[in-house]
Amino acid sequence: MPVEWSVKMTTKQKAVEIISKMPDNATVGDIMLQLYVQLKVERGVRQLDQGCGMSHAAMKKRLAKWLA
């Protein structure tokens, strides 16, 4: 359920948007998980934008070593 924002929003606005899209019976744990996932997605996108990524081929090669 990660959300992308096209305009700059405050952290609070982002949290409110995520929570508002969740079902009424969502638990605090559900909410915390979604906020955590969004944080990780944003952090990953920011790292990729900064060039801290790995090509698909390089990742496949690394995984092959781990799974061998």
Protein backbone atom coordinates (compact mmCIF):
# COMPACT_ATOMS: atom_id res chain seq x y z
CA MET A 1 0.00 0.00 0.00
CA PRO A 2 2.93 2.40 -0.43
CA VAL A 3 1.77 5.79 -1.64
CA GLU A 4 3.56 8.19 -3.97
CA TRP A 5 3.15 11.92 -3.54
CA SER A 6 3.68 14.38 -6.36
CA VAL A 7 3.79 17.46 -4.14
CA LYS A 8 5.79 18.06 -0.99
CA MET A 9 3.74 16.96 1.97
CA THR A 10 4.66 17.03 5.62
CA THR A 11 5.32 13.77 7.38
CA LYS A 12 2.09 14.26 9.30
CA GLN A 13 0.10 14.76 6.07
CA LYS A 14 1.60 11.58 4.62
CA ALA A 15 0.74 9.61 7.77
CA VAL A 16 -2.82 10.92 7.79
CA GLU A 17 -3.25 9.96 4.12
CA ILE A 18 -1.97 6.43 4.72
CA ILE A 19 -4.16 5.97 7.78
CA SER A 20 -7.24 7.37 6.04
CA LYS A 21 -6.91 4.74 3.30
CA MET A 22 -6.87 1.87 5.80
CA PRO A 23 -9.99 -0.03 6.84
CA ASP A 24 -11.85 1.11 9.94
CA ASN A 25 -10.91 -2.07 11.77
CA ALA A 26 -7.14 -1.55 11.26
CA THR A 27 -5.14 -2.13 14.41
CA VAL A 28 -2.35 0.05 15.72
CA GLY A 29 0.03 -2.66 14.54
CA ASP A 30 -1.46 -2.52 11.03
CA ILE A 31 -1.01 1.25 10.96
CA MET A 32 2.56 1.06 12.25
CA LEU A 33 3.42 -1.57 9.63
CA GLN A 34 2.08 0.56 6.78
CA LEU A 35 3.94 3.64 8.02
CA TYR A 36 7.13 1.57 8.33
CA VAL A 37 6.75 0.14 4.82
CA GLN A 38 6.20 3.62 3.39
CA LEU A 39 9.30 4.88 5.20
CA LYS A 40 11.39 2.07 3.74
CA VAL A 41 10.04 2.62 0.22
CA GLU A 42 10.77 6.34 0.37
CA ARG A 43 14.25 5.71 1.72
CA GLY A 44 14.94 3.18 -1.06
CA VAL A 45 13.71 5.53 -3.78
CA ARG A 46 15.85 8.33 -2.37
CA GLN A 47 18.91 6.02 -2.39
CA LEU A 48 18.23 5.04 -6.00
CA ASP A 49 17.89 8.71 -6.96
CA GLN A 50 21.33 9.26 -5.41
CA GLY A 51 22.81 6.48 -7.52
CA CYS A 52 23.11 3.98 -4.69
CA GLY A 53 21.55 1.14 -6.61
CA MET A 54 22.48 -2.08 -8.28
CA SER A 55 21.61 -3.33 -11.76
CA HIS A 56 19.31 -6.28 -12.19
CA ALA A 57 22.16 -8.35 -13.62
CA ALA A 58 24.46 -7.53 -10.70
CA MET A 59 21.76 -8.46 -8.22
CA LYS A 60 21.06 -11.76 -9.97
CA LYS A 61 24.77 -12.56 -9.77
CA ARG A 62 24.87 -11.72 -6.05
CA LEU A 63 21.75 -13.81 -5.35
CA ALA A 64 23.20 -16.75 -7.26
CA LYS A 65 26.14 -16.79 -4.83
CA TRP A 66 23.81 -16.67 -1.81
CA LEU A 67 21.54 -19.41 -3.09
CA ALA A 68 24.30 -21.74 -4.27
